[in-house]
N, C-alpha and C. Protein backbone atom coordinates (compact mmCIF):
# COMPACT_ATOMS: atom_id res chain seq x y z
N MET A 1 135.04 18.57 179.61
CA MET A 1 133.76 17.91 179.69
C MET A 1 132.63 18.82 179.20
N SER A 2 132.77 20.09 179.44
CA SER A 2 131.73 21.03 179.03
C SER A 2 131.65 21.12 177.51
N GLY A 3 132.77 20.97 176.84
CA GLY A 3 132.78 20.99 175.38
C GLY A 3 132.07 19.79 174.80
N LEU A 4 132.18 18.64 175.47
CA LEU A 4 131.51 17.43 175.01
C LEU A 4 129.99 17.55 175.15
N VAL A 5 129.54 18.17 176.22
CA VAL A 5 128.10 18.33 176.44
C VAL A 5 127.52 19.24 175.37
N SER A 6 128.19 20.33 175.06
CA SER A 6 127.66 21.22 174.04
C SER A 6 127.71 20.57 172.65
N LEU A 7 128.70 19.74 172.41
CA LEU A 7 128.79 19.03 171.13
C LEU A 7 127.64 18.04 170.99
N VAL A 8 127.31 17.31 172.06
CA VAL A 8 126.21 16.36 172.03
C VAL A 8 124.88 17.11 171.88
N GLY A 9 124.75 18.25 172.53
CA GLY A 9 123.54 19.05 172.41
C GLY A 9 123.33 19.57 171.00
N ILE A 10 124.40 20.01 170.36
CA ILE A 10 124.30 20.48 168.98
C ILE A 10 123.94 19.34 168.04
N ALA A 11 124.53 18.17 168.26
CA ALA A 11 124.21 17.01 167.43
C ALA A 11 122.75 16.59 167.61
N ALA A 12 122.25 16.65 168.83
CA ALA A 12 120.85 16.30 169.07
C ALA A 12 119.92 17.31 168.42
N LEU A 13 120.29 18.58 168.48
CA LEU A 13 119.47 19.61 167.85
C LEU A 13 119.44 19.44 166.33
N VAL A 14 120.57 19.14 165.73
CA VAL A 14 120.63 18.93 164.28
C VAL A 14 119.81 17.70 163.89
N ALA A 15 119.88 16.62 164.69
CA ALA A 15 119.11 15.42 164.39
C ALA A 15 117.61 15.69 164.51
N THR A 16 117.21 16.45 165.51
CA THR A 16 115.79 16.77 165.68
C THR A 16 115.27 17.61 164.53
N VAL A 17 116.03 18.61 164.13
CA VAL A 17 115.62 19.46 163.01
C VAL A 17 115.54 18.63 161.72
N ALA A 18 116.49 17.73 161.53
CA ALA A 18 116.48 16.89 160.33
C ALA A 18 115.24 15.98 160.31
N MET A 19 114.86 15.44 161.47
CA MET A 19 113.67 14.58 161.50
C MET A 19 112.40 15.38 161.24
N VAL A 20 112.31 16.58 161.79
CA VAL A 20 111.13 17.42 161.56
C VAL A 20 111.02 17.79 160.08
N VAL A 21 112.14 18.13 159.47
CA VAL A 21 112.14 18.47 158.05
C VAL A 21 111.74 17.26 157.22
N ALA A 22 112.21 16.07 157.58
CA ALA A 22 111.86 14.86 156.84
C ALA A 22 110.38 14.56 156.96
N ILE A 23 109.80 14.73 158.13
CA ILE A 23 108.37 14.48 158.30
C ILE A 23 107.55 15.48 157.50
N LEU A 24 107.92 16.74 157.56
CA LEU A 24 107.21 17.75 156.79
C LEU A 24 107.32 17.50 155.29
N TYR A 25 108.47 17.01 154.84
CA TYR A 25 108.65 16.69 153.43
C TYR A 25 107.74 15.53 153.02
N LEU A 26 107.64 14.50 153.87
CA LEU A 26 106.76 13.38 153.56
C LEU A 26 105.29 13.80 153.54
N VAL A 27 104.90 14.67 154.45
CA VAL A 27 103.53 15.18 154.45
C VAL A 27 103.27 15.98 153.18
N TRP A 28 104.23 16.79 152.79
CA TRP A 28 104.09 17.61 151.58
C TRP A 28 103.96 16.71 150.34
N LEU A 29 104.72 15.62 150.30
CA LEU A 29 104.62 14.69 149.18
C LEU A 29 103.26 14.01 149.15
N SER A 30 102.74 13.64 150.31
CA SER A 30 101.47 12.91 150.33
C SER A 30 100.28 13.80 150.01
N MET A 31 100.40 15.09 150.18
CA MET A 31 99.28 15.99 149.91
C MET A 31 99.05 16.20 148.42
N GLY A 32 100.05 16.05 147.61
CA GLY A 32 99.93 16.40 146.21
C GLY A 32 99.40 15.31 145.30
N ASP A 33 99.54 14.03 145.67
CA ASP A 33 99.23 12.99 144.70
C ASP A 33 97.82 12.42 144.82
N GLY A 34 97.04 12.83 145.78
CA GLY A 34 95.67 12.37 145.90
C GLY A 34 95.53 10.95 146.41
N THR A 35 96.52 10.45 147.10
CA THR A 35 96.47 9.09 147.62
C THR A 35 95.35 8.95 148.65
N HIS A 36 95.18 9.95 149.49
CA HIS A 36 94.19 9.87 150.55
C HIS A 36 92.88 10.57 150.19
N ALA A 37 92.72 10.94 148.95
CA ALA A 37 91.49 11.61 148.52
C ALA A 37 90.38 10.58 148.35
N PRO A 38 89.17 10.94 148.69
CA PRO A 38 88.06 10.00 148.50
C PRO A 38 87.76 9.80 147.02
N THR A 39 87.46 8.57 146.67
CA THR A 39 87.12 8.27 145.28
C THR A 39 85.63 8.03 145.18
N PRO A 40 84.95 8.73 144.30
CA PRO A 40 83.52 8.48 144.14
C PRO A 40 83.30 7.12 143.48
N ASP A 41 82.48 6.31 144.12
CA ASP A 41 82.23 4.96 143.62
C ASP A 41 80.72 4.76 143.57
N ALA A 42 80.19 4.52 142.39
CA ALA A 42 78.75 4.39 142.22
C ALA A 42 78.22 3.06 142.76
N ASP A 43 79.09 2.06 142.90
CA ASP A 43 78.64 0.75 143.38
C ASP A 43 78.41 0.72 144.89
N ARG A 44 79.04 1.62 145.61
CA ARG A 44 78.92 1.62 147.07
C ARG A 44 77.94 2.70 147.50
N PRO A 45 76.91 2.34 148.23
CA PRO A 45 75.95 3.36 148.68
C PRO A 45 76.55 4.22 149.78
N GLU A 46 76.07 5.45 149.88
CA GLU A 46 76.55 6.34 150.93
C GLU A 46 75.89 5.97 152.25
N LEU A 47 76.58 6.25 153.33
CA LEU A 47 76.04 5.97 154.65
C LEU A 47 74.96 6.98 154.99
N ASP A 48 73.90 6.51 155.58
CA ASP A 48 72.81 7.38 155.99
C ASP A 48 72.98 7.68 157.47
N GLU A 49 73.44 8.88 157.79
CA GLU A 49 73.69 9.25 159.18
C GLU A 49 72.56 10.08 159.77
N GLU A 50 71.50 10.32 159.03
CA GLU A 50 70.45 11.20 159.51
C GLU A 50 69.43 10.49 160.38
N THR A 51 69.30 9.17 160.28
CA THR A 51 68.26 8.46 161.02
C THR A 51 68.58 8.40 162.51
N GLY A 52 69.80 8.19 162.88
CA GLY A 52 70.18 8.12 164.28
C GLY A 52 69.83 6.81 164.94
N GLU A 53 69.21 5.89 164.23
CA GLU A 53 68.84 4.60 164.78
C GLU A 53 69.85 3.56 164.33
N GLU A 54 70.15 2.66 165.24
CA GLU A 54 71.09 1.60 164.91
C GLU A 54 70.31 0.36 164.47
N ASN A 55 70.93 -0.46 163.65
CA ASN A 55 70.30 -1.69 163.19
C ASN A 55 70.30 -2.76 164.27
N GLN A 56 71.30 -2.75 165.15
CA GLN A 56 71.40 -3.74 166.20
C GLN A 56 71.11 -3.07 167.54
N PRO A 57 70.33 -3.72 168.39
CA PRO A 57 70.07 -3.13 169.71
C PRO A 57 71.30 -3.21 170.60
N GLU A 58 71.37 -2.32 171.56
CA GLU A 58 72.49 -2.33 172.48
C GLU A 58 72.31 -3.43 173.51
N VAL A 59 73.40 -4.03 173.92
CA VAL A 59 73.37 -5.06 174.96
C VAL A 59 73.46 -4.35 176.30
N THR A 60 72.48 -4.57 177.16
CA THR A 60 72.47 -3.86 178.44
C THR A 60 73.28 -4.58 179.50
N ASP A 61 73.10 -5.89 179.63
CA ASP A 61 73.89 -6.64 180.59
C ASP A 61 74.04 -8.08 180.11
N GLY A 62 74.91 -8.81 180.75
CA GLY A 62 75.17 -10.18 180.32
C GLY A 62 74.13 -11.18 180.78
N ALA A 63 73.31 -10.81 181.78
CA ALA A 63 72.34 -11.75 182.31
C ALA A 63 71.16 -11.95 181.37
N SER A 64 70.86 -10.97 180.53
CA SER A 64 69.71 -11.08 179.66
C SER A 64 70.00 -11.86 178.39
N ALA A 65 71.24 -12.20 178.16
CA ALA A 65 71.60 -12.89 176.92
C ALA A 65 71.29 -14.31 176.95
């Protein structure tokens, strides 16, 4: 029985290492092709984050609606 436990443990370790390597490989592939890189687009205006004011007021409670 002890041999079976060590065999299952080794198989689980190999499977875990294989999954980690596969995830790292997919991350490495996604970093090189620019899929997630921002694209400059002249038609879309940039967000103005300096004002700090919202266009819509906050709702304080349901009774005032």
